[in-house]
Protein backbone atom coordinates (compact mmCIF):
# COMPACT_ATOMS: atom_id res chain seq x y z
CA UNK A 1 -6.88 47.61 -16.20
CA UNK A 2 -7.37 51.09 -15.70
CA UNK A 3 -9.64 53.47 -17.81
CA UNK A 4 -7.92 56.47 -17.33
CA UNK A 5 -6.42 57.62 -20.80
CA UNK A 6 -3.90 60.26 -22.06
CA UNK A 7 -3.81 62.77 -24.61
CA UNK A 8 -1.58 62.44 -27.90
CA UNK A 9 -0.60 65.66 -27.01
CA UNK A 10 1.30 64.21 -23.83
CA UNK A 11 3.13 61.96 -26.33
CA UNK A 12 4.28 64.80 -28.55
CA UNK A 13 5.43 66.46 -25.40
CA UNK A 14 7.84 63.50 -24.26
CA UNK A 15 8.83 63.01 -28.10
CA UNK A 16 9.60 66.99 -28.52
CA UNK A 17 13.73 66.17 -27.93
CA UNK A 18 13.67 62.85 -29.17
CA UNK A 19 16.64 62.34 -31.72
CA UNK A 20 15.88 58.86 -32.77
CA UNK A 21 14.77 58.13 -36.08
CA UNK A 22 11.12 57.23 -37.84
CA UNK A 23 11.84 53.22 -37.57
CA UNK A 24 12.93 53.67 -33.77
CA UNK A 25 10.16 55.57 -32.77
CA UNK A 26 7.53 53.26 -34.75
CA UNK A 27 9.63 50.25 -33.16
CA UNK A 28 8.64 52.11 -29.49
CA UNK A 29 4.94 52.43 -30.70
CA UNK A 30 4.43 48.76 -31.74
CA UNK A 31 6.09 47.58 -28.39
CA UNK A 32 3.58 49.49 -26.53
CA UNK A 33 0.87 48.74 -28.96
CA UNK A 34 0.25 52.49 -30.09
CA UNK A 35 -1.25 52.94 -33.44
CA UNK A 36 1.61 53.97 -35.85
CA UNK A 37 -0.83 56.81 -37.02
CA UNK A 38 -1.56 58.13 -33.36
CA UNK A 39 0.39 61.19 -33.71
CA UNK A 40 -1.54 62.50 -36.90
CA UNK A 41 -4.82 62.19 -34.95
CA UNK A 42 -5.60 65.38 -32.91
CA UNK A 43 -7.97 64.11 -30.53
CA UNK A 44 -6.17 60.34 -29.77
CA UNK A 45 -5.86 58.56 -26.75
CA UNK A 46 -4.47 55.91 -25.43
CA UNK A 47 -4.55 53.94 -22.19
CA UNK A 48 -2.33 55.07 -19.19
CA UNK A 49 -0.67 51.41 -19.22
CA UNK A 50 0.39 52.13 -22.60
CA UNK A 51 1.58 55.77 -22.13
CA UNK A 52 3.62 54.71 -19.08
CA UNK A 53 5.21 52.03 -20.75
CA UNK A 54 6.23 54.28 -23.55
CA UNK A 55 7.39 57.10 -21.92
CA UNK A 56 9.91 54.89 -19.74
CA UNK A 57 11.35 53.19 -23.17
CA UNK A 58 11.56 57.13 -24.67
CA UNK A 59 13.69 57.81 -21.42
CA UNK A 60 15.73 54.90 -21.64
CA UNK A 61 16.08 55.51 -25.60
CA UNK A 62 17.11 59.12 -24.82
CA UNK A 63 18.97 58.45 -21.91
CA UNK A 64 17.38 61.05 -20.34
CA UNK A 65 14.71 60.94 -17.26
CA UNK A 66 13.84 64.94 -18.05
CA UNK A 67 13.45 64.14 -21.67
CA UNK A 68 15.48 66.73 -23.01
CA UNK A 69 13.73 69.30 -21.00
CA UNK A 70 16.74 70.41 -18.80
CA UNK A 71 20.10 71.72 -19.46
CA UNK A 72 21.72 68.71 -19.07
CA UNK A 73 20.40 65.13 -19.01
CA UNK A 74 19.36 63.68 -16.16
CA UNK A 75 20.95 60.00 -16.13
CA UNK A 76 18.48 56.80 -15.63
CA UNK A 77 17.54 56.57 -12.08
CA UNK A 78 18.11 60.29 -11.17
CA UNK A 79 14.32 59.77 -9.95
CA UNK A 80 15.07 57.18 -7.88
CA UNK A 81 17.80 58.76 -5.60
CA UNK A 82 15.01 61.79 -5.15
């Protein structure tokens, strides 16, 4: 397992446009072994592996590989085509 970690700020950025409810978010966190209070800890970090899985599931939940940061959603699989 890698020792690379990711700041909680990266998770906040990924969730910026997330429209799911708190129950859906907590389920995503549980699935990837992310502590439920992580977003309230400003200096928190998680492993790159947990972040990667969480990010993929956020994209799937949103149906947008760009996480809502573009004018139109990018369907899942868009990056694979590039």
